[in-house]
Amino acid sequence: MKHKTILQLDMNSSFKPFVMEIKEPGIEKSQALVIGDTVRRDPGGASAAGIDCVLVEGAAQPDAIASFPNLLEFSKICLQESSTLNN
């Protein structure tokens, strides 16, 4: 994965909260990833803000770059990617 920073947001589908959330710590959009569990809100808001979105809890939607059955499965992938990058 190309993302350096992962944020978990619980926002509505408006893109403004997503952009405000990443501007505060000085994170670039290309470094952010929205981890969502709500198909009708999370991918739309992230997409409108220009931020990639991954869905968990078995949700799937075309605006999301990936979908995982649960957060644990997603975290396993992140750990594998992290160990690969650190070697």
PDB file of N, CA and C in Angstrom:
ATOM      1  N   MET A   1       0.836  -1.190   0.000  1.00  0.00           N
ATOM      2  CA  MET A   1       0.000   0.000   0.000  1.00  0.00           C
ATOM      3  C   MET A   1       0.870   1.239   0.000  1.00  0.00           C
ATOM      4  N   LYS A   2       0.431   2.267  -0.653  1.00  0.00           N
ATOM      5  CA  LYS A   2       1.215   3.481  -0.781  1.00  0.00           C
ATOM      6  C   LYS A   2       0.991   4.453   0.367  1.00  0.00           C
ATOM      7  N   HIS A   3       0.091   4.174   1.263  1.00  0.00           N
ATOM      8  CA  HIS A   3      -0.289   5.110   2.309  1.00  0.00           C
ATOM      9  C   HIS A   3       0.647   5.029   3.503  1.00  0.00           C
ATOM     10  N   LYS A   4       1.044   6.197   3.992  1.00  0.00           N
ATOM     11  CA  LYS A   4       1.916   6.253   5.154  1.00  0.00           C
ATOM     12  C   LYS A   4       1.129   6.453   6.434  1.00  0.00           C
ATOM     13  N   THR A   5      -0.006   7.071   6.325  1.00  0.00           N
ATOM     14  CA  THR A   5      -0.797   7.400   7.504  1.00  0.00           C
ATOM     15  C   THR A   5      -2.190   6.854   7.318  1.00  0.00           C
ATOM     16  N   ILE A   6      -2.725   6.248   8.348  1.00  0.00           N
ATOM     17  CA  ILE A   6      -4.077   5.710   8.281  1.00  0.00           C
ATOM     18  C   ILE A   6      -4.926   6.423   9.322  1.00  0.00           C
ATOM     19  N   LEU A   7      -6.035   6.996   8.871  1.00  0.00           N
ATOM     20  CA  LEU A   7      -6.972   7.669   9.764  1.00  0.00           C
ATOM     21  C   LEU A   7      -8.284   6.924   9.741  1.00  0.00           C
ATOM     22  N   GLN A   8      -8.875   6.740  10.871  1.00  0.00           N
ATOM     23  CA  GLN A   8     -10.209   6.161  10.904  1.00  0.00           C
ATOM     24  C   GLN A   8     -11.172   7.280  11.283  1.00  0.00           C
ATOM     25  N   LEU A   9     -12.075   7.583  10.379  1.00  0.00           N
ATOM     26  CA  LEU A   9     -13.006   8.679  10.574  1.00  0.00           C
ATOM     27  C   LEU A   9     -14.427   8.162  10.626  1.00  0.00           C
ATOM     28  N   ASP A  10     -15.223   8.775  11.429  1.00  0.00           N
ATOM     29  CA  ASP A  10     -16.647   8.456  11.483  1.00  0.00           C
ATOM     30  C   ASP A  10     -17.386   9.727  11.112  1.00  0.00           C
ATOM     31  N   MET A  11     -17.494   9.982   9.817  1.00  0.00           N
ATOM     32  CA  MET A  11     -18.067  11.228   9.318  1.00  0.00           C
ATOM     33  C   MET A  11     -19.210  10.925   8.361  1.00  0.00           C
ATOM     34  N   ASN A  12     -19.917  11.973   7.964  1.00  0.00           N
ATOM     35  CA  ASN A  12     -20.960  11.798   6.950  1.00  0.00           C
ATOM     36  C   ASN A  12     -20.330  11.860   5.570  1.00  0.00           C
ATOM     37  N   SER A  13     -21.121  11.816   4.519  1.00  0.00           N
ATOM     38  CA  SER A  13     -20.574  11.729   3.172  1.00  0.00           C
ATOM     39  C   SER A  13     -20.056  13.057   2.634  1.00  0.00           C
ATOM     40  N   SER A  14     -20.170  14.126   3.366  1.00  0.00           N
ATOM     41  CA  SER A  14     -19.577  15.384   2.950  1.00  0.00           C
ATOM     42  C   SER A  14     -18.063  15.254   2.974  1.00  0.00           C
ATOM     43  N   PHE A  15     -17.394  15.819   1.979  1.00  0.00           N
ATOM     44  CA  PHE A  15     -15.945  15.726   1.932  1.00  0.00           C
ATOM     45  C   PHE A  15     -15.262  16.661   2.920  1.00  0.00           C
ATOM     46  N   LYS A  16     -15.923  17.700   3.386  1.00  0.00           N
ATOM     47  CA  LYS A  16     -15.287  18.705   4.243  1.00  0.00           C
ATOM     48  C   LYS A  16     -14.687  18.128   5.526  1.00  0.00           C
ATOM     49  N   PRO A  17     -15.390  17.270   6.268  1.00  0.00           N
ATOM     50  CA  PRO A  17     -14.759  16.719   7.488  1.00  0.00           C
ATOM     51  C   PRO A  17     -13.507  15.908   7.195  1.00  0.00           C
ATOM     52  N   PHE A  18     -13.476  15.222   6.061  1.00  0.00           N
ATOM     53  CA  PHE A  18     -12.308  14.427   5.707  1.00  0.00           C
ATOM     54  C   PHE A  18     -11.109  15.331   5.451  1.00  0.00           C
ATOM     55  N   VAL A  19     -11.325  16.403   4.705  1.00  0.00           N
ATOM     56  CA  VAL A  19     -10.240  17.332   4.397  1.00  0.00           C
ATOM     57  C   VAL A  19      -9.783  18.053   5.653  1.00  0.00           C
ATOM     58  N   MET A  20     -10.701  18.477   6.487  1.00  0.00           N
ATOM     59  CA  MET A  20     -10.334  19.156   7.732  1.00  0.00           C
ATOM     60  C   MET A  20      -9.515  18.227   8.622  1.00  0.00           C
ATOM     61  N   GLU A  21      -9.863  16.984   8.683  1.00  0.00           N
ATOM     62  CA  GLU A  21      -9.185  16.022   9.541  1.00  0.00           C
ATOM     63  C   GLU A  21      -7.734  15.813   9.124  1.00  0.00           C
ATOM     64  N   ILE A  22      -7.458  15.778   7.832  1.00  0.00           N
ATOM     65  CA  ILE A  22      -6.078  15.544   7.411  1.00  0.00           C
ATOM     66  C   ILE A  22      -5.261  16.825   7.380  1.00  0.00           C
ATOM     67  N   LYS A  23      -5.872  17.978   7.236  1.00  0.00           N
ATOM     68  CA  LYS A  23      -5.115  19.230   7.219  1.00  0.00           C
ATOM     69  C   LYS A  23      -4.533  19.542   8.585  1.00  0.00           C
ATOM     70  N   GLU A  24      -5.251  19.210   9.639  1.00  0.00           N
ATOM     71  CA  GLU A  24      -4.784  19.553  10.977  1.00  0.00           C
ATOM     72  C   GLU A  24      -3.417  18.967  11.301  1.00  0.00           C
ATOM     73  N   PRO A  25      -3.184  17.655  11.095  1.00  0.00           N
ATOM     74  CA  PRO A  25      -1.852  17.135  11.392  1.00  0.00           C
ATOM     75  C   PRO A  25      -0.855  17.325  10.249  1.00  0.00           C
ATOM     76  N   GLY A  26      -1.257  17.982   9.164  1.00  0.00           N
ATOM     77  CA  GLY A  26      -0.350  18.214   8.047  1.00  0.00           C
ATOM     78  C   GLY A  26      -0.116  17.001   7.175  1.00  0.00           C
ATOM     79  N   ILE A  27      -1.101  16.185   6.993  1.00  0.00           N
ATOM     80  CA  ILE A  27      -0.999  14.970   6.186  1.00  0.00           C
ATOM     81  C   ILE A  27      -1.462  15.276   4.763  1.00  0.00           C
ATOM     82  N   GLU A  28      -0.730  14.791   3.797  1.00  0.00           N
ATOM     83  CA  GLU A  28      -1.129  14.933   2.402  1.00  0.00           C
ATOM     84  C   GLU A  28      -2.238  13.925   2.086  1.00  0.00           C
ATOM     85  N   LYS A  29      -3.108  14.275   1.151  1.00  0.00           N
ATOM     86  CA  LYS A  29      -4.193  13.361   0.763  1.00  0.00           C
ATOM     87  C   LYS A  29      -3.657  12.022   0.273  1.00  0.00           C
ATOM     88  N   SER A  30      -2.540  12.053  -0.422  1.00  0.00           N
ATOM     89  CA  SER A  30      -1.968  10.813  -0.956  1.00  0.00           C
ATOM     90  C   SER A  30      -1.426   9.904   0.146  1.00  0.00           C
ATOM     91  N   GLN A  31      -1.255  10.440   1.354  1.00  0.00           N
ATOM     92  CA  GLN A  31      -0.756   9.654   2.474  1.00  0.00           C
ATOM     93  C   GLN A  31      -1.881   9.162   3.377  1.00  0.00           C
ATOM     94  N   ALA A  32      -3.090   9.612   3.122  1.00  0.00           N
ATOM     95  CA  ALA A  32      -4.225   9.293   3.994  1.00  0.00           C
ATOM     96  C   ALA A  32      -5.046   8.148   3.419  1.00  0.00           C
ATOM     97  N   LEU A  33      -5.718   7.455   4.298  1.00  0.00           N
ATOM     98  CA  LEU A  33      -6.608   6.377   3.907  1.00  0.00           C
ATOM     99  C   LEU A  33      -7.783   6.369   4.864  1.00  0.00           C
ATOM    100  N   VAL A  34      -8.971   6.457   4.324  1.00  0.00           N
ATOM    101  CA  VAL A  34     -10.180   6.368   5.143  1.00  0.00           C
ATOM    102  C   VAL A  34     -10.540   4.897   5.289  1.00  0.00           C
ATOM    103  N   ILE A  35     -10.735   4.453   6.514  1.00  0.00           N
ATOM    104  CA  ILE A  35     -11.188   3.096   6.781  1.00  0.00           C
ATOM    105  C   ILE A  35     -12.650   3.212   7.172  1.00  0.00           C
ATOM    106  N   GLY A  36     -13.520   2.763   6.312  1.00  0.00           N
ATOM    107  CA  GLY A  36     -14.948   2.938   6.539  1.00  0.00           C
ATOM    108  C   GLY A  36     -15.682   1.625   6.695  1.00  0.00           C
ATOM    109  N   ASP A  37     -16.851   1.716   7.317  1.00  0.00           N
ATOM    110  CA  ASP A  37     -17.695   0.536   7.460  1.00  0.00           C
ATOM    111  C   ASP A  37     -19.116   0.809   6.989  1.00  0.00           C
ATOM    112  N   THR A  38     -19.332   1.972   6.437  1.00  0.00           N
ATOM    113  CA  THR A  38     -20.661   2.343   5.979  1.00  0.00           C
ATOM    114  C   THR A  38     -20.611   2.676   4.494  1.00  0.00           C
ATOM    115  N   VAL A  39     -21.208   1.828   3.680  1.00  0.00           N
ATOM    116  CA  VAL A  39     -21.159   1.985   2.229  1.00  0.00           C
ATOM    117  C   VAL A  39     -21.773   3.309   1.775  1.00  0.00           C
ATOM    118  N   ARG A  40     -22.824   3.739   2.392  1.00  0.00           N
ATOM    119  CA  ARG A  40     -23.513   4.937   1.891  1.00  0.00           C
ATOM    120  C   ARG A  40     -22.861   6.242   2.305  1.00  0.00           C
ATOM    121  N   ARG A  41     -21.904   6.228   3.251  1.00  0.00           N
ATOM    122  CA  ARG A  41     -21.270   7.479   3.674  1.00  0.00           C
ATOM    123  C   ARG A  41     -19.782   7.534   3.398  1.00  0.00           C
ATOM    124  N   ASP A  42     -19.047   6.552   3.816  1.00  0.00           N
ATOM    125  CA  ASP A  42     -17.592   6.640   3.838  1.00  0.00           C
ATOM    126  C   ASP A  42     -16.925   6.755   2.462  1.00  0.00           C
ATOM    127  N   PRO A  43     -17.224   5.900   1.497  1.00  0.00           N
ATOM    128  CA  PRO A  43     -16.552   6.026   0.196  1.00  0.00           C
ATOM    129  C   PRO A  43     -16.884   7.330  -0.523  1.00  0.00           C
ATOM    130  N   GLY A  44     -18.118   7.782  -0.421  1.00  0.00           N
ATOM    131  CA  GLY A  44     -18.516   9.020  -1.087  1.00  0.00           C
ATOM    132  C   GLY A  44     -17.793  10.233  -0.536  1.00  0.00           C
ATOM    133  N   GLY A  45     -17.726  10.326   0.780  1.00  0.00           N
ATOM    134  CA  GLY A  45     -17.031  11.448   1.403  1.00  0.00           C
ATOM    135  C   GLY A  45     -15.545  11.423   1.110  1.00  0.00           C
ATOM    136  N   ALA A  46     -14.957  10.253   1.200  1.00  0.00           N
ATOM    137  CA  ALA A  46     -13.528  10.121   0.922  1.00  0.00           C
ATOM    138  C   ALA A  46     -13.228  10.442  -0.540  1.00  0.00           C
ATOM    139  N   SER A  47     -14.033   9.919  -1.436  1.00  0.00           N
ATOM    140  CA  SER A  47     -13.834  10.155  -2.862  1.00  0.00           C
ATOM    141  C   SER A  47     -13.973  11.637  -3.200  1.00  0.00           C
ATOM    142  N   ALA A  48     -14.969  12.287  -2.631  1.00  0.00           N
ATOM    143  CA  ALA A  48     -15.176  13.717  -2.870  1.00  0.00           C
ATOM    144  C   ALA A  48     -13.995  14.542  -2.364  1.00  0.00           C
ATOM    145  N   ALA A  49     -13.323  14.054  -1.325  1.00  0.00           N
ATOM    146  CA  ALA A  49     -12.159  14.746  -0.769  1.00  0.00           C
ATOM    147  C   ALA A  49     -10.864  14.366  -1.477  1.00  0.00           C
ATOM    148  N   GLY A  50     -10.928  13.374  -2.377  1.00  0.00           N
ATOM    149  CA  GLY A  50      -9.734  12.930  -3.075  1.00  0.00           C
ATOM    150  C   GLY A  50      -8.856  12.015  -2.243  1.00  0.00           C
ATOM    151  N   ILE A  51      -9.477  11.273  -1.310  1.00  0.00           N
ATOM    152  CA  ILE A  51      -8.755  10.375  -0.417  1.00  0.00           C
ATOM    153  C   ILE A  51      -9.222   8.940  -0.690  1.00  0.00           C
ATOM    154  N   ASP A  52      -8.287   8.007  -0.730  1.00  0.00           N
ATOM    155  CA  ASP A  52      -8.646   6.606  -0.924  1.00  0.00           C
ATOM    156  C   ASP A  52      -9.424   6.086   0.278  1.00  0.00           C
ATOM    157  N   CYS A  53     -10.289   5.101   0.022  1.00  0.00           N
ATOM    158  CA  CYS A  53     -11.113   4.515   1.074  1.00  0.00           C
ATOM    159  C   CYS A  53     -11.071   2.997   0.982  1.00  0.00           C
ATOM    160  N   VAL A  54     -10.933   2.360   2.137  1.00  0.00           N
ATOM    161  CA  VAL A  54     -11.030   0.914   2.273  1.00  0.00           C
ATOM    162  C   VAL A  54     -12.250   0.633   3.137  1.00  0.00           C
ATOM    163  N   LEU A  55     -13.049  -0.340   2.747  1.00  0.00           N
ATOM    164  CA  LEU A  55     -14.226  -0.704   3.530  1.00  0.00           C
ATOM    165  C   LEU A  55     -13.973  -1.997   4.293  1.00  0.00           C
ATOM    166  N   VAL A  56     -14.480  -2.048   5.523  1.00  0.00           N
ATOM    167  CA  VAL A  56     -14.398  -3.248   6.345  1.00  0.00           C
ATOM    168  C   VAL A  56     -15.802  -3.681   6.720  1.00  0.00           C
ATOM    169  N   GLU A  57     -15.900  -4.800   7.359  1.00  0.00           N
ATOM    170  CA  GLU A  57     -17.188  -5.391   7.769  1.00  0.00           C
ATOM    171  C   GLU A  57     -17.961  -5.948   6.580  1.00  0.00           C
ATOM    172  N   GLY A  58     -17.243  -6.374   5.539  1.00  0.00           N
ATOM    173  CA  GLY A  58     -17.874  -7.030   4.411  1.00  0.00           C
ATOM    174  C   GLY A  58     -18.546  -6.113   3.409  1.00  0.00           C
ATOM    175  N   ALA A  59     -18.480  -4.820   3.655  1.00  0.00           N
ATOM    176  CA  ALA A  59     -19.093  -3.869   2.741  1.00  0.00           C
ATOM    177  C   ALA A  59     -18.245  -3.765   1.474  1.00  0.00           C
ATOM    178  N   ALA A  60     -18.885  -3.488   0.356  1.00  0.00           N
ATOM    179  CA  ALA A  60     -18.174  -3.286  -0.906  1.00  0.00           C
ATOM    180  C   ALA A  60     -18.872  -2.190  -1.682  1.00  0.00           C
ATOM    181  N   GLN A  61     -18.087  -1.393  -2.402  1.00  0.00           N
ATOM    182  CA  GLN A  61     -18.638  -0.287  -3.166  1.00  0.00           C
ATOM    183  C   GLN A  61     -17.591   0.142  -4.180  1.00  0.00           C
ATOM    184  N   PRO A  62     -17.975   0.540  -5.391  1.00  0.00           N
ATOM    185  CA  PRO A  62     -16.999   0.856  -6.439  1.00  0.00           C
ATOM    186  C   PRO A  62     -16.017   1.985  -6.097  1.00  0.00           C
ATOM    187  N   ASP A  63     -16.404   2.935  -5.254  1.00  0.00           N
ATOM    188  CA  ASP A  63     -15.498   4.036  -4.912  1.00  0.00           C
ATOM    189  C   ASP A  63     -14.398   3.617  -3.936  1.00  0.00           C
ATOM    190  N   ALA A  64     -14.539   2.464  -3.302  1.00  0.00           N
ATOM    191  CA  ALA A  64     -13.530   1.982  -2.352  1.00  0.00           C
ATOM    192  C   ALA A  64     -12.434   1.236  -3.113  1.00  0.00           C
ATOM    193  N   ILE A  65     -11.177   1.403  -2.680  1.00  0.00           N
ATOM    194  CA  ILE A  65     -10.074   0.728  -3.366  1.00  0.00           C
ATOM    195  C   ILE A  65      -9.951  -0.733  -2.964  1.00  0.00           C
ATOM    196  N   ALA A  66     -10.556  -1.101  -1.819  1.00  0.00           N
ATOM    197  CA  ALA A  66     -10.533  -2.488  -1.365  1.00  0.00           C
ATOM    198  C   ALA A  66     -11.628  -2.702  -0.332  1.00  0.00           C
ATOM    199  N   SER A  67     -11.935  -3.972  -0.102  1.00  0.00           N
ATOM    200  CA  SER A  67     -12.942  -4.339   0.890  1.00  0.00           C
ATOM    201  C   SER A  67     -12.431  -5.554   1.662  1.00  0.00           C
ATOM    202  N   PHE A  68     -12.639  -5.542   2.975  1.00  0.00           N
ATOM    203  CA  PHE A  68     -12.187  -6.625   3.844  1.00  0.00           C
ATOM    204  C   PHE A  68     -13.345  -7.093   4.717  1.00  0.00           C
ATOM    205  N   PRO A  69     -13.360  -8.360   5.090  1.00  0.00           N
ATOM    206  CA  PRO A  69     -14.471  -8.870   5.892  1.00  0.00           C
ATOM    207  C   PRO A  69     -14.557  -8.228   7.278  1.00  0.00           C
ATOM    208  N   ASN A  70     -13.415  -7.783   7.800  1.00  0.00           N
ATOM    209  CA  ASN A  70     -13.406  -7.133   9.117  1.00  0.00           C
ATOM    210  C   ASN A  70     -12.101  -6.357   9.286  1.00  0.00           C
ATOM    211  N   LEU A  71     -12.026  -5.579  10.341  1.00  0.00           N
ATOM    212  CA  LEU A  71     -10.855  -4.741  10.595  1.00  0.00           C
ATOM    213  C   LEU A  71      -9.615  -5.572  10.893  1.00  0.00           C
ATOM    214  N   LEU A  72      -9.781  -6.715  11.512  1.00  0.00           N
ATOM    215  CA  LEU A  72      -8.653  -7.587  11.817  1.00  0.00           C
ATOM    216  C   LEU A  72      -7.957  -8.053  10.540  1.00  0.00           C
ATOM    217  N   GLU A  73      -8.739  -8.465   9.547  1.00  0.00           N
ATOM    218  CA  GLU A  73      -8.159  -8.913   8.277  1.00  0.00           C
ATOM    219  C   GLU A  73      -7.407  -7.771   7.593  1.00  0.00           C
ATOM    220  N   PHE A  74      -7.971  -6.578   7.635  1.00  0.00           N
ATOM    221  CA  PHE A  74      -7.296  -5.421   7.056  1.00  0.00           C
ATOM    222  C   PHE A  74      -5.988  -5.140   7.796  1.00  0.00           C
ATOM    223  N   SER A  75      -6.003  -5.204   9.116  1.00  0.00           N
ATOM    224  CA  SER A  75      -4.797  -4.922   9.894  1.00  0.00           C
ATOM    225  C   SER A  75      -3.695  -5.949   9.603  1.00  0.00           C
ATOM    226  N   LYS A  76      -4.065  -7.196   9.326  1.00  0.00           N
ATOM    227  CA  LYS A  76      -3.068  -8.207   8.969  1.00  0.00           C
ATOM    228  C   LYS A  76      -2.329  -7.814   7.683  1.00  0.00           C
ATOM    229  N   ILE A  77      -3.083  -7.329   6.709  1.00  0.00           N
ATOM    230  CA  ILE A  77      -2.485  -6.881   5.449  1.00  0.00           C
ATOM    231  C   ILE A  77      -1.556  -5.704   5.702  1.00  0.00           C
ATOM    232  N   CYS A  78      -1.988  -4.767   6.537  1.00  0.00           N
ATOM    233  CA  CYS A  78      -1.153  -3.600   6.860  1.00  0.00           C
ATOM    234  C   CYS A  78       0.140  -4.024   7.529  1.00  0.00           C
ATOM    235  N   LEU A  79       0.069  -4.953   8.440  1.00  0.00           N
ATOM    236  CA  LEU A  79       1.272  -5.434   9.121  1.00  0.00           C
ATOM    237  C   LEU A  79       2.215  -6.145   8.150  1.00  0.00           C
ATOM    238  N   GLN A  80       1.668  -6.926   7.236  1.00  0.00           N
ATOM    239  CA  GLN A  80       2.485  -7.615   6.245  1.00  0.00           C
ATOM    240  C   GLN A  80       3.186  -6.592   5.347  1.00  0.00           C
ATOM    241  N   GLU A  81       2.454  -5.586   4.896  1.00  0.00           N
ATOM    242  CA  GLU A  81       3.019  -4.541   4.042  1.00  0.00           C
ATOM    243  C   GLU A  81       4.099  -3.763   4.788  1.00  0.00           C
ATOM    244  N   SER A  82       3.830  -3.472   6.053  1.00  0.00           N
ATOM    245  CA  SER A  82       4.776  -2.715   6.872  1.00  0.00           C
ATOM    246  C   SER A  82       6.072  -3.480   7.044  1.00  0.00           C
ATOM    247  N   SER A  83       5.980  -4.768   7.312  1.00  0.00           N
ATOM    248  CA  SER A  83       7.205  -5.566   7.486  1.00  0.00           C
ATOM    249  C   SER A  83       7.973  -5.683   6.173  1.00  0.00           C
ATOM    250  N   THR A  84       7.272  -5.722   5.059  1.00  0.00           N
ATOM    251  CA  THR A  84       7.917  -5.773   3.750  1.00  0.00           C
ATOM    252  C   THR A  84       8.672  -4.477   3.480  1.00  0.00           C
ATOM    253  N   LEU A  85       8.067  -3.350   3.811  1.00  0.00           N
ATOM    254  CA  LEU A  85       8.702  -2.052   3.590  1.00  0.00           C
ATOM    255  C   LEU A  85       9.904  -1.832   4.483  1.00  0.00           C
ATOM    256  N   ASN A  86       9.880  -2.389   5.680  1.00  0.00           N
ATOM    257  CA  ASN A  86      10.963  -2.199   6.638  1.00  0.00           C
ATOM    258  C   ASN A  86      12.158  -3.105   6.394  1.00  0.00           C
ATOM    259  N   ASN A  87      12.007  -4.081   5.503  1.00  0.00           N
ATOM    260  CA  ASN A  87      13.123  -5.011   5.215  1.00  0.00           C
ATOM    261  C   ASN A  87      13.926  -4.559   4.024  1.00  0.00           C
TER     262      ASN A  87
END
